[in-house]
Amino acid sequence: MRRRFNVDGICYPEEHYMVDMKDRLEEIKKLMDDGKYFVINRARQYGKTTILGMLMRKLSDEYQIFSISFEGLGDAAFRNEWALCRRVCGLLYDTIYYNEAGEISDDIQKECYELSLEQAKPDLRTLSNLISRICMMSDKPVILMIDEVDQASNQELFLDFLGMLRDKYMKRRSRPTFQSVILAGVYDIKNLKLKMGKDGERQYNSPWNIAARFTVDMSFSTKDIAGMLMVYKTEQGFDIDIKKISRLIYDYTSGYPFLVSRICKILDEQMIPDDATDSAKVWTEHGISKAVKLLLEESNTLFDDMVKHLMEYPELNVMIQNILFQGTKYPYFQYNLPVSIGYMFGFLKEQDGLVSISNRIFETSLYNFYISEEITKNTQLRGILKDKNQFIKDGYLDDYGLDKGYLLSFNFNKIKRQGRKR
């Protein structure tokens, strides 16, 4: 079975083409070695689960690692404190049962199992004492990794759980606890109260203020992309201009991992016939442009989430429309709520001190979304776009129209207002 480009779930080096993660893993390991608690909060499909899996494989000889996930954790798990603690004990037990955490005593395994049973009534203090016993009896420092924390982040009890871990961290000199705790999800922990609908005054009052800053760059550079494509080129025997192609892919994606891998996957699996003898011709500037077009036309969870979040956060929606159609320049300030949210979801970035759309593919997808929405409602705009159809193909913005700047030359909001008056 040959390796493939992967955009569905965790990546494995022996099965998938991947960028070299060695330097990133070393940066994260240093945080763990230093006893830091931290959050890997990055946008959807940014490689969070993959990096946790690679850390577990790399460090299992040095650390005892409990790697659990809150994915699929329903509201029943947060019905009360007992239910939450039972579920956490069950997740810890699963890692022991499947031998994922290394050598664990039979007594600890039995305790985790018994506390996970439906009739058990463990509270946060019981769970805290269990954690201390696990860490006390381990021959190695113990690490806790929790993936998909967003699944629990709209629950008040989750904040209590984080508060328990924080209390243990503060008392770590005298009471055994985890060497390091890593949470992974889209939402920054300081924004959990925002997700719960709390007012802005309280949203930064987080029980996770012990967390160290996580500054590891998880986007792919042109060098990263070139390294991955070099392995692909060697294995497939294609004659690819690695330097040019990696730069083109980066120009479209700004290194967003899902978008990089998706373009490569389309080129490799949708545009190269099985019996092709001139497959290298696909890996060209024209081929990448065609792959980007196919990507923009497809429905995927990343674009679905983008639309959903625009509806959830009206201020972010207005900001992005103003940037795209008015050319409005917003200073980048992380405590500005729409900026913070847009950055968290991966839609926005800082560029020369100003807020910018994070990459060309998102920019084109957002243009297409707003224009299609307005065309549906506004007959006047339909007429304008019909007259200016050199930038519109099949009802969508032609990607190359972005560089020509046509859409910034008319007042989108003014046209909307005029259309509604008619």
Protein backbone atom coordinates (compact mmCIF):
# COMPACT_ATOMS: atom_id res chain seq x y z
CA MET A 1 0.00 0.00 0.00
CA ARG A 2 1.53 3.29 -1.09
CA ARG A 3 1.47 6.39 1.06
CA ARG A 4 -1.22 9.00 0.51
CA PHE A 5 -1.85 12.62 1.38
CA ASN A 6 -4.27 12.65 4.30
CA VAL A 7 -6.94 15.16 5.34
CA ASP A 8 -9.14 12.79 7.35
CA GLY A 9 -8.10 12.46 10.97
CA ILE A 10 -4.73 11.65 12.46
CA CYS A 11 -1.69 11.25 10.18
CA TYR A 12 0.83 8.42 10.48
CA PRO A 13 4.30 8.80 8.89
CA GLU A 14 4.31 5.23 7.62
CA GLU A 15 0.95 5.71 5.85
CA HIS A 16 0.83 9.37 4.85
CA TYR A 17 2.97 12.06 3.28
CA MET A 18 3.76 14.53 6.06
CA VAL A 19 5.95 17.52 6.72
CA ASP A 20 8.91 17.01 9.05
CA MET A 21 7.61 17.67 12.57
CA LYS A 22 10.88 17.05 14.42
CA ASP A 23 11.60 20.67 15.38
CA ARG A 24 8.03 21.28 16.51
CA LEU A 25 8.06 18.15 18.65
CA GLU A 26 11.28 19.28 20.31
CA GLU A 27 9.77 22.69 21.11
CA ILE A 28 6.72 21.07 22.71
CA LYS A 29 8.87 18.53 24.56
CA LYS A 30 10.80 21.39 26.16
CA LEU A 31 7.54 22.78 27.57
CA MET A 32 6.76 19.34 29.00
CA ASP A 33 10.28 18.93 30.39
CA ASP A 34 9.89 22.28 32.13
CA GLY A 35 6.66 21.14 33.77
CA LYS A 36 4.40 23.53 31.87
CA TYR A 37 0.64 23.25 31.54
CA PHE A 38 -0.52 24.63 28.20
CA VAL A 39 -3.17 24.67 25.50
CA ILE A 40 -2.67 23.81 21.84
CA ASN A 41 -5.50 25.93 20.53
CA ARG A 42 -5.47 26.13 16.77
CA ALA A 43 -8.14 26.32 14.11
CA ARG A 44 -10.02 23.28 12.89
CA GLN A 45 -8.00 20.68 10.97
CA TYR A 46 -4.68 22.24 11.92
CA GLY A 47 -2.91 19.04 12.97
CA LYS A 48 -3.60 19.11 16.72
CA THR A 49 -4.55 15.43 17.05
CA THR A 50 -1.63 14.37 14.85
CA ILE A 51 0.89 16.29 16.98
CA LEU A 52 -0.48 14.70 20.18
CA GLY A 53 -0.16 11.25 18.64
CA MET A 54 3.42 11.92 17.56
CA LEU A 55 4.31 13.24 21.03
CA MET A 56 2.93 10.08 22.60
CA ARG A 57 5.01 7.84 20.32
CA LYS A 58 8.15 9.94 20.73
CA LEU A 59 8.05 10.31 24.53
CA SER A 60 6.51 7.05 25.78
CA ASP A 61 9.90 5.78 26.99
CA GLU A 62 10.56 8.95 28.97
CA TYR A 63 7.09 9.75 30.30
CA GLN A 64 3.99 7.90 31.38
CA ILE A 65 1.37 9.46 29.12
CA PHE A 66 -2.39 9.35 29.54
CA SER A 67 -3.78 10.54 26.21
CA ILE A 68 -7.56 10.87 26.28
CA SER A 69 -10.14 12.64 24.14
CA PHE A 70 -13.40 14.36 24.98
CA GLU A 71 -14.72 13.73 21.48
CA GLY A 72 -18.26 12.37 21.62
CA LEU A 73 -18.68 13.36 25.25
CA GLY A 74 -22.40 14.08 25.46
CA ASP A 75 -24.34 16.25 27.89
CA ALA A 76 -24.96 13.20 30.08
CA ALA A 77 -21.30 13.27 31.10
CA PHE A 78 -21.91 16.71 32.60
CA ARG A 79 -25.20 15.94 34.28
CA ASN A 80 -23.49 16.31 37.64
CA GLU A 81 -20.06 16.07 39.25
CA TRP A 82 -20.31 12.31 39.71
CA ALA A 83 -21.09 11.75 36.04
CA LEU A 84 -18.11 13.83 34.89
CA CYS A 85 -15.66 12.16 37.27
CA ARG A 86 -16.95 8.70 36.30
CA ARG A 87 -16.36 9.50 32.65
CA VAL A 88 -12.84 10.80 33.23
CA CYS A 89 -12.00 7.71 35.30
CA GLY A 90 -13.38 5.58 32.46
CA LEU A 91 -11.18 7.36 29.92
CA LEU A 92 -8.12 6.83 32.11
CA TYR A 93 -9.06 3.16 32.51
CA ASP A 94 -9.35 2.72 28.74
CA THR A 95 -5.79 3.93 28.21
CA ILE A 96 -4.59 1.42 30.82
CA TYR A 97 -6.70 -1.46 29.44
CA TYR A 98 -5.35 -0.97 25.91
CA ASN A 99 -1.79 -0.62 27.23
CA GLU A 100 -1.44 2.91 25.89
CA ALA A 101 -0.12 4.39 29.12
CA GLY A 102 2.67 1.89 29.79
CA GLU A 103 3.17 -0.01 33.02
CA ILE A 104 0.36 0.69 35.50
CA SER A 105 -0.22 -1.20 38.72
CA ASP A 106 -3.18 -3.56 38.99
CA ASP A 107 -4.43 -1.57 41.98
CA ILE A 108 -4.62 1.66 39.98
CA GLN A 109 -6.28 -0.11 37.06
CA LYS A 110 -8.86 -1.62 39.38
CA GLU A 111 -9.54 1.73 41.07
CA CYS A 112 -10.04 3.50 37.73
CA TYR A 113 -12.45 0.78 36.65
CA GLU A 114 -14.49 0.79 39.84
CA LEU A 115 -14.76 4.60 39.87
CA SER A 116 -16.05 4.51 36.28
CA LEU A 117 -19.01 2.24 37.06
CA GLU A 118 -22.52 3.70 36.94
CA GLN A 119 -23.15 3.15 40.66
CA ALA A 120 -19.94 4.92 41.67
CA LYS A 121 -20.13 8.45 43.05
CA PRO A 122 -16.65 9.97 42.71
CA ASP A 123 -16.43 13.72 43.13
CA LEU A 124 -13.59 16.03 42.07
CA ARG A 125 -11.78 15.42 45.35
CA THR A 126 -11.91 11.66 44.73
CA LEU A 127 -10.57 12.20 41.20
CA SER A 128 -7.83 14.48 42.54
CA ASN A 129 -6.73 11.81 45.03
CA LEU A 130 -6.69 9.20 42.25
CA ILE A 131 -4.43 11.42 40.16
CA SER A 132 -2.06 11.84 43.11
CA ARG A 133 -1.84 8.07 43.59
CA ILE A 134 -1.20 7.50 39.89
CA CYS A 135 1.63 10.04 39.91
CA MET A 136 3.04 8.81 43.24
CA MET A 137 3.24 5.18 42.09
CA SER A 138 4.66 5.87 38.63
CA ASP A 139 8.36 5.36 37.92
CA LYS A 140 8.23 8.16 35.35
CA PRO A 141 6.81 11.67 35.28
CA VAL A 142 3.15 11.51 34.26
CA ILE A 143 1.66 13.56 31.43
CA LEU A 144 -2.05 14.16 30.76
CA MET A 145 -3.16 15.03 27.22
CA ILE A 146 -6.80 15.86 26.53
CA ASP A 147 -7.83 16.24 22.90
CA GLU A 148 -11.09 17.80 21.66
CA VAL A 149 -11.66 19.84 24.81
CA ASP A 150 -14.16 21.93 22.85
CA GLN A 151 -16.62 19.10 23.31
CA ALA A 152 -16.72 19.97 27.01
CA SER A 153 -16.00 23.67 26.89
CA ASN A 154 -19.61 24.87 27.01
CA GLN A 155 -20.12 23.08 30.33
CA GLU A 156 -19.70 24.83 33.68
CA LEU A 157 -18.49 21.57 35.27
CA PHE A 158 -15.54 21.54 32.89
CA LEU A 159 -14.35 24.78 34.46
CA ASP A 160 -14.56 23.09 37.87
CA PHE A 161 -12.48 20.21 36.49
CA LEU A 162 -9.87 22.68 35.23
CA GLY A 163 -9.95 24.38 38.63
CA MET A 164 -9.11 21.05 40.29
CA LEU A 165 -6.11 20.56 37.99
CA ARG A 166 -5.04 24.15 38.67
CA ASP A 167 -5.22 23.59 42.43
CA LYS A 168 -3.05 20.49 42.11
CA TYR A 169 -0.56 22.43 39.97
CA MET A 170 -0.29 25.12 42.64
CA LYS A 171 0.42 22.47 45.29
CA ARG A 172 2.74 20.34 43.12
CA ARG A 173 5.75 20.84 45.43
CA SER A 174 4.10 18.88 48.22
CA ARG A 175 1.44 16.73 46.50
CA PRO A 176 2.12 14.44 43.51
CA THR A 177 0.44 15.52 40.29
CA PHE A 178 0.96 15.57 36.56
CA GLN A 179 4.31 16.79 35.27
CA SER A 180 2.49 18.51 32.43
CA VAL A 181 -1.08 18.86 31.17
CA ILE A 182 -1.81 19.54 27.50
CA LEU A 183 -5.27 20.55 26.32
CA ALA A 184 -6.02 20.63 22.59
CA GLY A 185 -8.94 22.32 20.89
CA VAL A 186 -10.07 25.25 18.78
CA TYR A 187 -11.28 27.53 21.56
CA ASP A 188 -8.71 29.28 23.66
CA ILE A 189 -9.44 28.45 27.30
CA LYS A 190 -9.76 32.15 28.12
CA ASN A 191 -12.69 32.29 25.69
CA LEU A 192 -14.66 29.43 27.25
CA LYS A 193 -17.04 31.80 29.02
CA LEU A 194 -17.62 33.47 25.66
CA LYS A 195 -18.76 30.12 24.26
CA MET A 196 -21.01 29.68 27.26
CA GLY A 197 -22.66 32.98 26.50
CA LYS A 198 -21.14 34.83 29.44
CA ASP A 199 -20.73 38.58 29.25
CA GLY A 200 -17.49 40.09 27.98
CA GLU A 201 -16.48 41.32 31.42
CA ARG A 202 -16.12 37.77 32.71
CA GLN A 203 -14.82 35.92 29.68
CA TYR A 204 -11.12 36.27 30.51
CA ASN A 205 -11.56 35.14 34.12
CA SER A 206 -10.20 31.65 33.43
CA PRO A 207 -9.35 28.86 35.87
CA TRP A 208 -6.52 28.01 33.45
CA ASN A 209 -4.46 31.14 34.02
CA ILE A 210 -1.55 28.91 34.99
CA ALA A 211 -1.05 27.94 31.35
CA ALA A 212 2.20 28.78 29.61
CA ARG A 213 2.00 30.45 26.21
CA PHE A 214 2.07 28.00 23.32
CA THR A 215 3.94 29.73 20.50
CA VAL A 216 4.88 26.77 18.30
CA ASP A 217 4.11 27.61 14.67
CA MET A 218 2.02 24.72 13.35
CA SER A 219 1.47 26.19 9.88
CA PHE A 220 3.58 24.79 7.05
CA SER A 221 6.36 26.88 5.55
CA THR A 222 7.50 26.59 1.93
CA LYS A 223 10.43 24.56 3.28
CA ASP A 224 8.03 22.18 5.05
CA ILE A 225 5.96 21.73 1.88
CA ALA A 226 9.07 21.25 -0.24
CA GLY A 227 10.35 18.54 2.12
CA MET A 228 7.06 16.64 1.93
CA LEU A 229 6.94 16.92 -1.86
CA MET A 230 10.54 15.77 -2.15
CA VAL A 231 9.60 12.50 -0.45
CA TYR A 232 6.57 12.22 -2.73
CA LYS A 233 8.66 12.93 -5.82
CA THR A 234 11.24 10.31 -4.86
CA GLU A 235 8.66 7.62 -4.16
CA GLN A 236 6.53 8.33 -7.24
CA GLY A 237 9.38 9.04 -9.63
CA PHE A 238 7.83 12.28 -10.92
CA ASP A 239 9.87 15.19 -12.25
CA ILE A 240 8.43 18.05 -10.18
CA ASP A 241 9.80 21.57 -9.82
CA ILE A 242 9.74 21.34 -6.01
CA LYS A 243 10.77 24.93 -5.32
CA LYS A 244 8.17 26.46 -7.63
CA ILE A 245 5.32 24.14 -6.65
CA SER A 246 5.85 24.49 -2.91
CA ARG A 247 5.88 28.28 -3.26
CA LEU A 248 2.65 28.24 -5.30
CA ILE A 249 0.88 26.02 -2.76
CA TYR A 250 2.05 28.28 0.06
CA ASP A 251 0.87 31.39 -1.80
CA TYR A 252 -2.66 30.00 -1.94
CA THR A 253 -2.80 28.53 1.58
CA SER A 254 -0.35 30.51 3.75
CA GLY A 255 0.59 27.08 5.11
CA TYR A 256 -2.82 26.11 6.54
CA PRO A 257 -2.19 22.34 6.99
CA PHE A 258 -5.56 21.07 5.77
CA LEU A 259 -5.50 23.26 2.67
CA VAL A 260 -1.93 22.25 1.80
CA SER A 261 -2.69 18.56 2.12
CA ARG A 262 -6.04 18.88 0.32
CA ILE A 263 -4.49 20.53 -2.74
CA CYS A 264 -1.82 17.82 -2.86
CA LYS A 265 -4.43 15.10 -2.44
CA ILE A 266 -6.56 16.48 -5.28
CA LEU A 267 -3.52 16.63 -7.55
CA ASP A 268 -2.44 13.11 -6.63
CA GLU A 269 -5.79 11.31 -6.56
CA GLN A 270 -8.28 13.26 -8.68
CA MET A 271 -6.14 14.72 -11.44
CA ILE A 272 -3.66 11.90 -12.11
CA PRO A 273 -5.18 8.90 -13.93
CA ASP A 274 -4.08 5.49 -12.66
CA ASP A 275 -2.35 4.68 -15.94
CA ALA A 276 -0.83 8.13 -16.50
CA THR A 277 2.62 8.22 -18.06
CA ASP A 278 2.98 12.01 -17.86
CA SER A 279 1.78 12.54 -14.28
CA ALA A 280 4.37 15.24 -13.66
CA LYS A 281 2.38 17.53 -15.96
CA VAL A 282 -0.28 17.72 -13.26
CA TRP A 283 2.18 19.20 -10.79
CA THR A 284 2.38 22.56 -12.57
CA GLU A 285 1.09 26.07 -12.05
CA HIS A 286 -1.94 25.26 -14.19
CA GLY A 287 -2.52 22.01 -12.29
CA ILE A 288 -2.44 23.76 -8.91
CA SER A 289 -4.84 26.43 -10.16
CA LYS A 290 -7.24 23.69 -11.25
CA ALA A 291 -6.87 21.87 -7.92
CA VAL A 292 -7.66 25.09 -6.04
CA LYS A 293 -10.78 25.54 -8.19
CA LEU A 294 -11.90 21.99 -7.36
CA LEU A 295 -11.22 22.64 -3.67
CA LEU A 296 -13.32 25.81 -3.69
CA GLU A 297 -16.20 24.00 -5.39
CA GLU A 298 -16.36 21.14 -2.92
CA SER A 299 -18.24 20.97 0.35
CA ASN A 300 -15.99 20.22 3.31
CA THR A 301 -16.12 20.62 7.07
CA LEU A 302 -13.69 23.54 7.03
CA PHE A 303 -15.86 25.70 4.77
CA ASP A 304 -19.01 24.51 6.53
CA ASP A 305 -17.57 25.67 9.85
CA MET A 306 -16.60 29.01 8.35
CA VAL A 307 -20.19 29.78 7.36
CA LYS A 308 -21.51 28.53 10.70
CA HIS A 309 -19.17 30.76 12.69
CA LEU A 310 -20.01 33.82 10.59
CA MET A 311 -23.65 33.31 11.55
CA GLU A 312 -22.74 32.75 15.22
CA TYR A 313 -20.62 35.91 15.53
CA PRO A 314 -22.26 38.88 13.72
CA GLU A 315 -19.46 41.32 14.65
CA LEU A 316 -16.89 39.04 13.01
CA ASN A 317 -19.16 38.72 9.98
CA VAL A 318 -19.39 42.52 9.60
CA MET A 319 -15.63 42.95 10.07
CA ILE A 320 -14.81 40.45 7.34
CA GLN A 321 -17.31 42.02 4.92
CA ASN A 322 -15.81 45.45 5.57
CA ILE A 323 -12.30 44.16 4.95
CA LEU A 324 -13.27 42.41 1.71
CA PHE A 325 -15.66 44.92 0.15
CA GLN A 326 -14.83 48.26 1.77
CA GLY A 327 -11.11 47.83 2.11
CA THR A 328 -11.44 48.81 5.78
CA LYS A 329 -8.19 48.63 7.70
CA TYR A 330 -8.54 47.37 11.26
CA PRO A 331 -5.57 47.52 13.64
CA TYR A 332 -4.69 44.09 14.94
CA PHE A 333 -5.41 44.01 18.68
CA GLN A 334 -5.86 40.62 20.28
CA TYR A 335 -8.36 41.84 22.90
CA ASN A 336 -10.71 43.12 20.22
CA LEU A 337 -13.35 40.41 20.35
CA PRO A 338 -14.03 39.93 16.60
CA VAL A 339 -10.28 39.93 15.92
CA SER A 340 -9.66 37.39 18.68
CA ILE A 341 -12.44 35.12 17.44
CA GLY A 342 -11.44 35.39 13.78
CA TYR A 343 -7.83 34.59 14.63
CA MET A 344 -8.90 31.65 16.81
CA PHE A 345 -10.92 30.13 13.97
CA GLY A 346 -8.08 30.68 11.49
CA PHE A 347 -9.96 33.19 9.29
CA LEU A 348 -7.86 36.23 10.23
CA LYS A 349 -4.18 36.96 10.69
CA GLU A 350 -1.95 39.88 11.58
CA GLN A 351 -0.13 41.51 8.67
CA ASP A 352 1.93 44.66 9.18
CA GLY A 353 -0.06 45.49 12.30
CA LEU A 354 -3.42 45.19 10.52
CA VAL A 355 -6.12 42.52 10.37
CA SER A 356 -6.03 40.48 7.17
CA ILE A 357 -7.82 37.41 5.77
CA SER A 358 -5.52 34.51 6.54
CA ASN A 359 -5.05 33.10 3.02
CA ARG A 360 -6.18 33.41 -0.60
CA ILE A 361 -8.37 30.31 -0.49
CA PHE A 362 -10.35 31.59 2.50
CA GLU A 363 -10.53 35.00 0.84
CA THR A 364 -11.98 33.53 -2.35
CA SER A 365 -14.37 31.26 -0.46
CA LEU A 366 -15.63 34.20 1.61
CA TYR A 367 -16.09 36.34 -1.51
CA ASN A 368 -18.06 33.54 -3.12
CA PHE A 369 -20.23 33.10 -0.04
CA TYR A 370 -21.09 36.78 0.35
CA ILE A 371 -21.66 37.36 -3.36
CA SER A 372 -23.86 34.28 -3.76
CA GLU A 373 -25.88 35.37 -0.72
CA GLU A 374 -26.32 38.86 -2.10
CA ILE A 375 -27.07 37.72 -5.65
CA THR A 376 -29.88 35.62 -4.25
CA LYS A 377 -31.44 38.68 -2.57
CA ASN A 378 -30.45 41.60 -4.78
CA THR A 379 -31.54 42.01 -8.40
CA GLN A 380 -29.44 45.19 -8.87
CA LEU A 381 -26.26 43.36 -7.88
CA ARG A 382 -27.12 40.55 -10.27
CA GLY A 383 -27.17 43.10 -13.09
CA ILE A 384 -23.85 44.66 -12.07
CA LEU A 385 -22.11 41.31 -11.86
CA LYS A 386 -23.59 40.28 -15.22
CA ASP A 387 -22.03 43.39 -16.81
CA LYS A 388 -18.71 42.67 -15.10
CA ASN A 389 -18.69 38.95 -15.77
CA GLN A 390 -14.98 38.78 -16.59
CA PHE A 391 -14.49 38.11 -12.88
CA ILE A 392 -17.52 35.86 -12.36
CA LYS A 393 -17.64 32.32 -13.69
CA ASP A 394 -20.63 30.04 -13.13
CA GLY A 395 -21.92 32.43 -10.48
CA TYR A 396 -18.64 32.42 -8.51
CA LEU A 397 -15.73 34.78 -8.21
CA ASP A 398 -12.86 33.85 -10.51
CA ASP A 399 -9.84 33.49 -8.24
CA TYR A 400 -7.65 35.63 -10.46
CA GLY A 401 -10.15 38.47 -10.05
CA LEU A 402 -8.81 38.90 -6.53
CA ASP A 403 -5.51 40.20 -7.81
CA LYS A 404 -7.21 42.68 -10.15
CA GLY A 405 -8.95 44.32 -7.22
CA TYR A 406 -12.23 44.81 -9.08
CA LEU A 407 -14.46 43.94 -6.15
CA LEU A 408 -12.88 46.61 -3.98
CA SER A 409 -13.84 49.24 -6.55
CA PHE A 410 -17.53 49.35 -5.67
CA ASN A 411 -19.33 49.92 -2.41
CA PHE A 412 -20.85 46.53 -1.60
CA ASN A 413 -22.91 47.74 1.36
CA LYS A 414 -24.21 50.74 -0.60
CA ILE A 415 -25.41 48.46 -3.38
CA LYS A 416 -27.14 46.24 -0.82
CA ARG A 417 -28.94 49.25 0.65
CA GLN A 418 -29.99 50.55 -2.77
CA GLY A 419 -31.25 47.15 -3.79
CA ARG A 420 -33.44 46.89 -0.69
CA LYS A 421 -34.98 50.36 -1.31
CA ARG A 422 -36.17 49.37 -4.77
